Amino acid sequence: MQAAAATVRVVDHPLVQHKLTLLRQRERSTKGFRQILNEIGMLLAYEVTRDLPLESVTIETPIQSMEAPQIAGKKLVLAPILRAGVGFLDGMLSLVPSARVAHVGLYRDPETLEAVEYYFKAPSDLVDRTVLVLDPMLATANSAVAAINLLKQRGAQDLRFVCLLAAPEGIARLQAAHPDVPVWTAAIDSHLNDHGYIVPGLGDAGDRMYGTR
């Protein structure tokens, strides 16, 4: 029997919502877009790691020994989908500097909108790690599904998808393909247009981050 669809969590923290509004603005500079995307990445990392397991360890403070909590198990893996997913990476690494990084290189065929793989590199022991799949936009979900397919083939079992914006069509597609993967997003927008862009959205996140077209 197929597992129930995973949860979609909309991060409605005021700072996240404020910074998302700044990103949506057409006149936002490349530098400003990149900086704010980095900041939102850090804020989303707080939310998506909220339920990581803790274990008690004995430490020595300057005063005495004590039992204190620390994150249990192996380190996180951050898996940005190239290229726009890299916009989240520095902010998240500043919060979790010991995390491992997997790179998933995919581009969207302009005619079919299907994801085409061109690069994949990941740690060998994904089975023992929580993997955060990063991409600012969950539009058609073709790239998200392809990335998660690759990570699961490498052994990943605990995956979480993190994005800025999601379209209802993308959520439905991702949940149909990977009902075990929960989604964290800052907003769920109205729909996709004929070119597969989120409406009202914020345009192409990769182009706006790198100043390309």
C-alpha atoms as a PDB file:
ATOM      1  CA  MET A   1       0.000   0.000   0.000  1.00  0.00           C
ATOM      2  CA  GLN A   2       1.314   3.455  -0.911  1.00  0.00           C
ATOM      3  CA  ALA A   3       2.322   5.738   1.944  1.00  0.00           C
ATOM      4  CA  ALA A   4       0.169   8.743   2.726  1.00  0.00           C
ATOM      5  CA  ALA A   5       1.230  12.032   1.153  1.00  0.00           C
ATOM      6  CA  ALA A   6       3.856  13.827   3.205  1.00  0.00           C
ATOM      7  CA  THR A   7       3.168  17.103   4.935  1.00  0.00           C
ATOM      8  CA  VAL A   8       3.596  20.488   3.272  1.00  0.00           C
ATOM      9  CA  ARG A   9       4.721  23.095   5.785  1.00  0.00           C
ATOM     10  CA  VAL A  10       4.388  26.793   4.955  1.00  0.00           C
ATOM     11  CA  VAL A  11       6.935  28.763   6.987  1.00  0.00           C
ATOM     12  CA  ASP A  12       4.979  31.875   7.929  1.00  0.00           C
ATOM     13  CA  HIS A  13       7.570  33.504  10.198  1.00  0.00           C
ATOM     14  CA  PRO A  14       7.368  37.298   9.718  1.00  0.00           C
ATOM     15  CA  LEU A  15      11.036  37.592   8.740  1.00  0.00           C
ATOM     16  CA  VAL A  16      10.672  34.908   6.071  1.00  0.00           C
ATOM     17  CA  GLN A  17       7.534  36.523   4.657  1.00  0.00           C
ATOM     18  CA  HIS A  18       9.098  40.001   4.660  1.00  0.00           C
ATOM     19  CA  LYS A  19      12.234  38.820   2.877  1.00  0.00           C
ATOM     20  CA  LEU A  20      10.170  36.865   0.353  1.00  0.00           C
ATOM     21  CA  THR A  21       8.316  40.076  -0.526  1.00  0.00           C
ATOM     22  CA  LEU A  22      11.655  41.791  -1.112  1.00  0.00           C
ATOM     23  CA  LEU A  23      12.746  38.964  -3.418  1.00  0.00           C
ATOM     24  CA  ARG A  24       9.554  39.129  -5.472  1.00  0.00           C
ATOM     25  CA  GLN A  25      10.101  42.782  -6.376  1.00  0.00           C
ATOM     26  CA  ARG A  26      11.147  43.169 -10.010  1.00  0.00           C
ATOM     27  CA  GLU A  27      13.613  45.978  -9.299  1.00  0.00           C
ATOM     28  CA  ARG A  28      15.628  43.970  -6.741  1.00  0.00           C
ATOM     29  CA  SER A  29      19.318  43.959  -7.802  1.00  0.00           C
ATOM     30  CA  THR A  30      21.272  40.784  -8.452  1.00  0.00           C
ATOM     31  CA  LYS A  31      23.384  41.455  -5.370  1.00  0.00           C
ATOM     32  CA  GLY A  32      20.314  42.117  -3.246  1.00  0.00           C
ATOM     33  CA  PHE A  33      18.500  39.034  -4.544  1.00  0.00           C
ATOM     34  CA  ARG A  34      21.480  36.799  -3.788  1.00  0.00           C
ATOM     35  CA  GLN A  35      21.941  38.234  -0.299  1.00  0.00           C
ATOM     36  CA  ILE A  36      18.281  37.901   0.683  1.00  0.00           C
ATOM     37  CA  LEU A  37      18.074  34.374  -0.721  1.00  0.00           C
ATOM     38  CA  ASN A  38      21.041  33.478   1.470  1.00  0.00           C
ATOM     39  CA  GLU A  39      19.298  34.968   4.524  1.00  0.00           C
ATOM     40  CA  ILE A  40      16.055  33.107   3.850  1.00  0.00           C
ATOM     41  CA  GLY A  41      18.042  29.895   3.456  1.00  0.00           C
ATOM     42  CA  MET A  42      19.332  30.278   6.989  1.00  0.00           C
ATOM     43  CA  LEU A  43      15.846  30.986   8.359  1.00  0.00           C
ATOM     44  CA  LEU A  44      14.338  27.991   6.550  1.00  0.00           C
ATOM     45  CA  ALA A  45      17.128  25.796   7.912  1.00  0.00           C
ATOM     46  CA  TYR A  46      15.952  26.569  11.446  1.00  0.00           C
ATOM     47  CA  GLU A  47      12.466  25.343  10.598  1.00  0.00           C
ATOM     48  CA  VAL A  48      13.352  22.222   8.625  1.00  0.00           C
ATOM     49  CA  THR A  49      15.759  20.997  11.337  1.00  0.00           C
ATOM     50  CA  ARG A  50      13.411  21.695  14.242  1.00  0.00           C
ATOM     51  CA  ASP A  51      12.708  18.007  14.922  1.00  0.00           C
ATOM     52  CA  LEU A  52      16.218  16.577  14.579  1.00  0.00           C
ATOM     53  CA  PRO A  53      16.865  14.009  17.351  1.00  0.00           C
ATOM     54  CA  LEU A  54      18.992  14.949  20.347  1.00  0.00           C
ATOM     55  CA  GLU A  55      21.142  12.879  22.653  1.00  0.00           C
ATOM     56  CA  SER A  56      22.605  13.693  26.050  1.00  0.00           C
ATOM     57  CA  VAL A  57      26.376  13.943  26.466  1.00  0.00           C
ATOM     58  CA  THR A  58      28.621  14.762  29.404  1.00  0.00           C
ATOM     59  CA  ILE A  59      30.586  17.999  29.037  1.00  0.00           C
ATOM     60  CA  GLU A  60      32.751  20.193  31.250  1.00  0.00           C
ATOM     61  CA  THR A  61      31.752  23.823  31.664  1.00  0.00           C
ATOM     62  CA  PRO A  62      34.181  26.286  33.300  1.00  0.00           C
ATOM     63  CA  ILE A  63      32.269  25.591  36.534  1.00  0.00           C
ATOM     64  CA  GLN A  64      31.452  21.847  36.569  1.00  0.00           C
ATOM     65  CA  SER A  65      30.484  18.808  34.529  1.00  0.00           C
ATOM     66  CA  MET A  66      26.914  18.455  33.277  1.00  0.00           C
ATOM     67  CA  GLU A  67      24.647  16.507  30.926  1.00  0.00           C
ATOM     68  CA  ALA A  68      23.786  18.566  27.842  1.00  0.00           C
ATOM     69  CA  PRO A  69      21.923  17.916  24.574  1.00  0.00           C
ATOM     70  CA  GLN A  70      23.541  17.631  21.160  1.00  0.00           C
ATOM     71  CA  ILE A  71      22.259  16.484  17.777  1.00  0.00           C
ATOM     72  CA  ALA A  72      22.324  12.706  17.523  1.00  0.00           C
ATOM     73  CA  GLY A  73      23.486  10.633  14.567  1.00  0.00           C
ATOM     74  CA  LYS A  74      25.518  11.552  11.513  1.00  0.00           C
ATOM     75  CA  LYS A  75      25.748  15.042  10.068  1.00  0.00           C
ATOM     76  CA  LEU A  76      23.162  16.516   7.706  1.00  0.00           C
ATOM     77  CA  VAL A  77      23.565  16.468   3.939  1.00  0.00           C
ATOM     78  CA  LEU A  78      22.580  19.595   2.009  1.00  0.00           C
ATOM     79  CA  ALA A  79      21.715  18.748  -1.603  1.00  0.00           C
ATOM     80  CA  PRO A  80      21.211  21.879  -3.741  1.00  0.00           C
ATOM     81  CA  ILE A  81      19.776  21.360  -7.217  1.00  0.00           C
ATOM     82  CA  LEU A  82      22.118  23.291  -9.511  1.00  0.00           C
ATOM     83  CA  ARG A  83      22.172  26.057 -10.127  1.00  0.00           C
ATOM     84  CA  ALA A  84      19.544  28.028  -8.195  1.00  0.00           C
ATOM     85  CA  GLY A  85      19.618  25.713  -5.169  1.00  0.00           C
ATOM     86  CA  VAL A  86      23.131  26.955  -4.410  1.00  0.00           C
ATOM     87  CA  GLY A  87      21.518  30.224  -3.320  1.00  0.00           C
ATOM     88  CA  PHE A  88      20.392  28.512  -0.108  1.00  0.00           C
ATOM     89  CA  LEU A  89      23.704  26.793   0.552  1.00  0.00           C
ATOM     90  CA  ASP A  90      25.880  29.437   2.234  1.00  0.00           C
ATOM     91  CA  GLY A  91      23.121  30.509   4.609  1.00  0.00           C
ATOM     92  CA  MET A  92      22.453  26.943   5.676  1.00  0.00           C
ATOM     93  CA  LEU A  93      26.151  26.099   5.990  1.00  0.00           C
ATOM     94  CA  SER A  94      26.656  29.119   8.241  1.00  0.00           C
ATOM     95  CA  LEU A  95      24.098  27.541  10.555  1.00  0.00           C
ATOM     96  CA  VAL A  96      25.266  23.922  10.132  1.00  0.00           C
ATOM     97  CA  PRO A  97      28.941  24.228   9.094  1.00  0.00           C
ATOM     98  CA  SER A  98      29.662  20.517   9.568  1.00  0.00           C
ATOM     99  CA  ALA A  99      27.008  19.417   7.061  1.00  0.00           C
ATOM    100  CA  ARG A 100      28.050  17.391   4.031  1.00  0.00           C
ATOM    101  CA  VAL A 101      27.103  18.705   0.578  1.00  0.00           C
ATOM    102  CA  ALA A 102      25.737  16.771  -2.390  1.00  0.00           C
ATOM    103  CA  HIS A 103      25.483  18.467  -5.791  1.00  0.00           C
ATOM    104  CA  VAL A 104      22.650  17.579  -8.165  1.00  0.00           C
ATOM    105  CA  GLY A 105      23.102  19.089 -11.622  1.00  0.00           C
ATOM    106  CA  LEU A 106      19.864  19.294 -13.600  1.00  0.00           C
ATOM    107  CA  TYR A 107      18.578  21.671 -16.243  1.00  0.00           C
ATOM    108  CA  ARG A 108      15.075  22.070 -17.620  1.00  0.00           C
ATOM    109  CA  ASP A 109      14.636  21.276 -21.287  1.00  0.00           C
ATOM    110  CA  PRO A 110      12.940  24.419 -22.686  1.00  0.00           C
ATOM    111  CA  GLU A 111      10.695  22.408 -24.998  1.00  0.00           C
ATOM    112  CA  THR A 112       9.565  19.481 -22.829  1.00  0.00           C
ATOM    113  CA  LEU A 113      10.187  21.090 -19.396  1.00  0.00           C
ATOM    114  CA  GLU A 114      11.691  17.732 -18.364  1.00  0.00           C
ATOM    115  CA  ALA A 115      14.766  17.622 -16.101  1.00  0.00           C
ATOM    116  CA  VAL A 116      18.029  16.611 -17.765  1.00  0.00           C
ATOM    117  CA  GLU A 117      20.885  15.370 -15.556  1.00  0.00           C
ATOM    118  CA  TYR A 118      24.413  16.655 -16.211  1.00  0.00           C
ATOM    119  CA  TYR A 119      26.170  16.178 -12.840  1.00  0.00           C
ATOM    120  CA  PHE A 120      25.681  14.241  -9.609  1.00  0.00           C
ATOM    121  CA  LYS A 121      28.060  13.918  -6.661  1.00  0.00           C
ATOM    122  CA  ALA A 122      27.010  12.861  -3.163  1.00  0.00           C
ATOM    123  CA  PRO A 123      28.430  11.299   0.008  1.00  0.00           C
ATOM    124  CA  SER A 124      28.473   7.500  -0.077  1.00  0.00           C
ATOM    125  CA  ASP A 125      26.589   6.957   3.212  1.00  0.00           C
ATOM    126  CA  LEU A 126      23.332   8.805   2.557  1.00  0.00           C
ATOM    127  CA  VAL A 127      21.363   5.952   4.087  1.00  0.00           C
ATOM    128  CA  ASP A 128      22.451   7.115   7.557  1.00  0.00           C
ATOM    129  CA  ARG A 129      21.863  10.840   7.054  1.00  0.00           C
ATOM    130  CA  THR A 130      19.033  13.363   6.840  1.00  0.00           C
ATOM    131  CA  VAL A 131      19.167  14.961   3.372  1.00  0.00           C
ATOM    132  CA  LEU A 132      17.781  18.434   2.679  1.00  0.00           C
ATOM    133  CA  VAL A 133      17.047  18.872  -1.041  1.00  0.00           C
ATOM    134  CA  LEU A 134      17.284  22.576  -1.914  1.00  0.00           C
ATOM    135  CA  ASP A 135      15.679  24.459  -4.800  1.00  0.00           C
ATOM    136  CA  PRO A 136      14.046  27.906  -4.578  1.00  0.00           C
ATOM    137  CA  MET A 137      11.150  26.962  -6.879  1.00  0.00           C
ATOM    138  CA  LEU A 138       8.843  23.941  -6.843  1.00  0.00           C
ATOM    139  CA  ALA A 139       7.111  24.567 -10.175  1.00  0.00           C
ATOM    140  CA  THR A 140       6.532  21.523 -12.400  1.00  0.00           C
ATOM    141  CA  ALA A 141       8.497  19.444  -9.822  1.00  0.00           C
ATOM    142  CA  ASN A 142      10.306  17.646 -12.634  1.00  0.00           C
ATOM    143  CA  SER A 143      13.709  18.654 -11.243  1.00  0.00           C
ATOM    144  CA  ALA A 144      12.677  17.888  -7.667  1.00  0.00           C
ATOM    145  CA  VAL A 145      11.444  14.398  -8.585  1.00  0.00           C
ATOM    146  CA  ALA A 146      14.570  13.679 -10.639  1.00  0.00           C
ATOM    147  CA  ALA A 147      16.875  14.863  -7.846  1.00  0.00           C
ATOM    148  CA  ILE A 148      15.108  12.776  -5.223  1.00  0.00           C
ATOM    149  CA  ASN A 149      15.215   9.765  -7.547  1.00  0.00           C
ATOM    150  CA  LEU A 150      19.004  10.114  -7.787  1.00  0.00           C
ATOM    151  CA  LEU A 151      19.435  10.563  -4.035  1.00  0.00           C
ATOM    152  CA  LYS A 152      17.242   7.563  -3.242  1.00  0.00           C
ATOM    153  CA  GLN A 153      19.211   5.460  -5.713  1.00  0.00           C
ATOM    154  CA  ARG A 154      22.312   6.397  -3.710  1.00  0.00           C
ATOM    155  CA  GLY A 155      20.568   5.141  -0.547  1.00  0.00           C
ATOM    156  CA  ALA A 156      18.940   8.229   0.988  1.00  0.00           C
ATOM    157  CA  GLN A 157      15.857   7.419   3.056  1.00  0.00           C
ATOM    158  CA  ASP A 158      15.228  10.536   5.170  1.00  0.00           C
ATOM    159  CA  LEU A 159      14.720  13.358   2.660  1.00  0.00           C
ATOM    160  CA  ARG A 160      13.149  16.790   3.042  1.00  0.00           C
ATOM    161  CA  PHE A 161      12.503  19.258   0.228  1.00  0.00           C
ATOM    162  CA  VAL A 162      13.060  22.969   0.934  1.00  0.00           C
ATOM    163  CA  CYS A 163      11.927  25.759  -1.410  1.00  0.00           C
ATOM    164  CA  LEU A 164      10.932  29.422  -1.459  1.00  0.00           C
ATOM    165  CA  LEU A 165       7.824  29.099  -3.595  1.00  0.00           C
ATOM    166  CA  ALA A 166       5.642  26.168  -4.601  1.00  0.00           C
ATOM    167  CA  ALA A 167       2.858  25.805  -7.140  1.00  0.00           C
ATOM    168  CA  PRO A 168      -0.070  23.483  -6.406  1.00  0.00           C
ATOM    169  CA  GLU A 169       0.811  21.498  -9.544  1.00  0.00           C
ATOM    170  CA  GLY A 170       4.355  20.965  -8.306  1.00  0.00           C
ATOM    171  CA  ILE A 171       3.244  19.869  -4.860  1.00  0.00           C
ATOM    172  CA  ALA A 172       0.828  17.345  -6.359  1.00  0.00           C
ATOM    173  CA  ARG A 173       3.477  15.971  -8.726  1.00  0.00           C
ATOM    174  CA  LEU A 174       6.114  15.631  -5.992  1.00  0.00           C
ATOM    175  CA  GLN A 175       3.710  13.971  -3.580  1.00  0.00           C
ATOM    176  CA  ALA A 176       2.558  11.523  -6.258  1.00  0.00           C
ATOM    177  CA  ALA A 177       6.143  10.518  -7.054  1.00  0.00           C
ATOM    178  CA  HIS A 178       7.584  10.668  -3.509  1.00  0.00           C
ATOM    179  CA  PRO A 179       4.788  10.619  -0.921  1.00  0.00           C
ATOM    180  CA  ASP A 180       7.354  10.109   1.861  1.00  0.00           C
ATOM    181  CA  VAL A 181       9.196  13.412   1.287  1.00  0.00           C
ATOM    182  CA  PRO A 182       7.836  16.419   3.233  1.00  0.00           C
ATOM    183  CA  VAL A 183       8.021  19.927   1.785  1.00  0.00           C
ATOM    184  CA  TRP A 184       8.965  23.179   3.497  1.00  0.00           C
ATOM    185  CA  THR A 185       8.119  26.368   1.592  1.00  0.00           C
ATOM    186  CA  ALA A 186       7.676  30.066   2.301  1.00  0.00           C
ATOM    187  CA  ALA A 187       4.540  30.323   0.123  1.00  0.00           C
ATOM    188  CA  ILE A 188       2.196  28.385  -2.143  1.00  0.00           C
ATOM    189  CA  ASP A 189       1.370  30.550  -5.151  1.00  0.00           C
ATOM    190  CA  SER A 190      -1.609  30.415  -7.513  1.00  0.00           C
ATOM    191  CA  HIS A 191      -0.612  28.283 -10.512  1.00  0.00           C
ATOM    192  CA  LEU A 192       1.853  27.643 -13.344  1.00  0.00           C
ATOM    193  CA  ASN A 193       1.703  29.566 -16.624  1.00  0.00           C
ATOM    194  CA  ASP A 194       2.104  28.030 -20.076  1.00  0.00           C
ATOM    195  CA  HIS A 195       5.895  28.174 -19.765  1.00  0.00           C
ATOM    196  CA  GLY A 196       5.974  26.341 -16.435  1.00  0.00           C
ATOM    197  CA  TYR A 197       6.693  29.436 -14.329  1.00  0.00           C
ATOM    198  CA  ILE A 198       5.043  30.038 -10.963  1.00  0.00           C
ATOM    199  CA  VAL A 199       2.423  32.826 -10.908  1.00  0.00           C
ATOM    200  CA  PRO A 200       2.735  35.415  -9.427  1.00  0.00           C
ATOM    201  CA  GLY A 201       6.144  34.001  -8.482  1.00  0.00           C
ATOM    202  CA  LEU A 202       9.396  35.928  -8.711  1.00  0.00           C
ATOM    203  CA  GLY A 203      10.701  35.001 -12.158  1.00  0.00           C
ATOM    204  CA  ASP A 204      13.618  32.643 -12.787  1.00  0.00           C
ATOM    205  CA  ALA A 205      15.506  32.406  -9.487  1.00  0.00           C
ATOM    206  CA  GLY A 206      18.739  31.249 -11.121  1.00  0.00           C
ATOM    207  CA  ASP A 207      18.765  34.103 -13.639  1.00  0.00           C
ATOM    208  CA  ARG A 208      17.977  36.672 -10.968  1.00  0.00           C
ATOM    209  CA  MET A 209      20.640  35.282  -8.632  1.00  0.00           C
ATOM    210  CA  TYR A 210      23.404  35.227 -11.236  1.00  0.00           C
ATOM    211  CA  GLY A 211      22.348  38.106 -13.493  1.00  0.00           C
ATOM    212  CA  THR A 212      21.825  35.879 -16.542  1.00  0.00           C
ATOM    213  CA  ARG A 213      19.014  35.310 -19.024  1.00  0.00           C
END
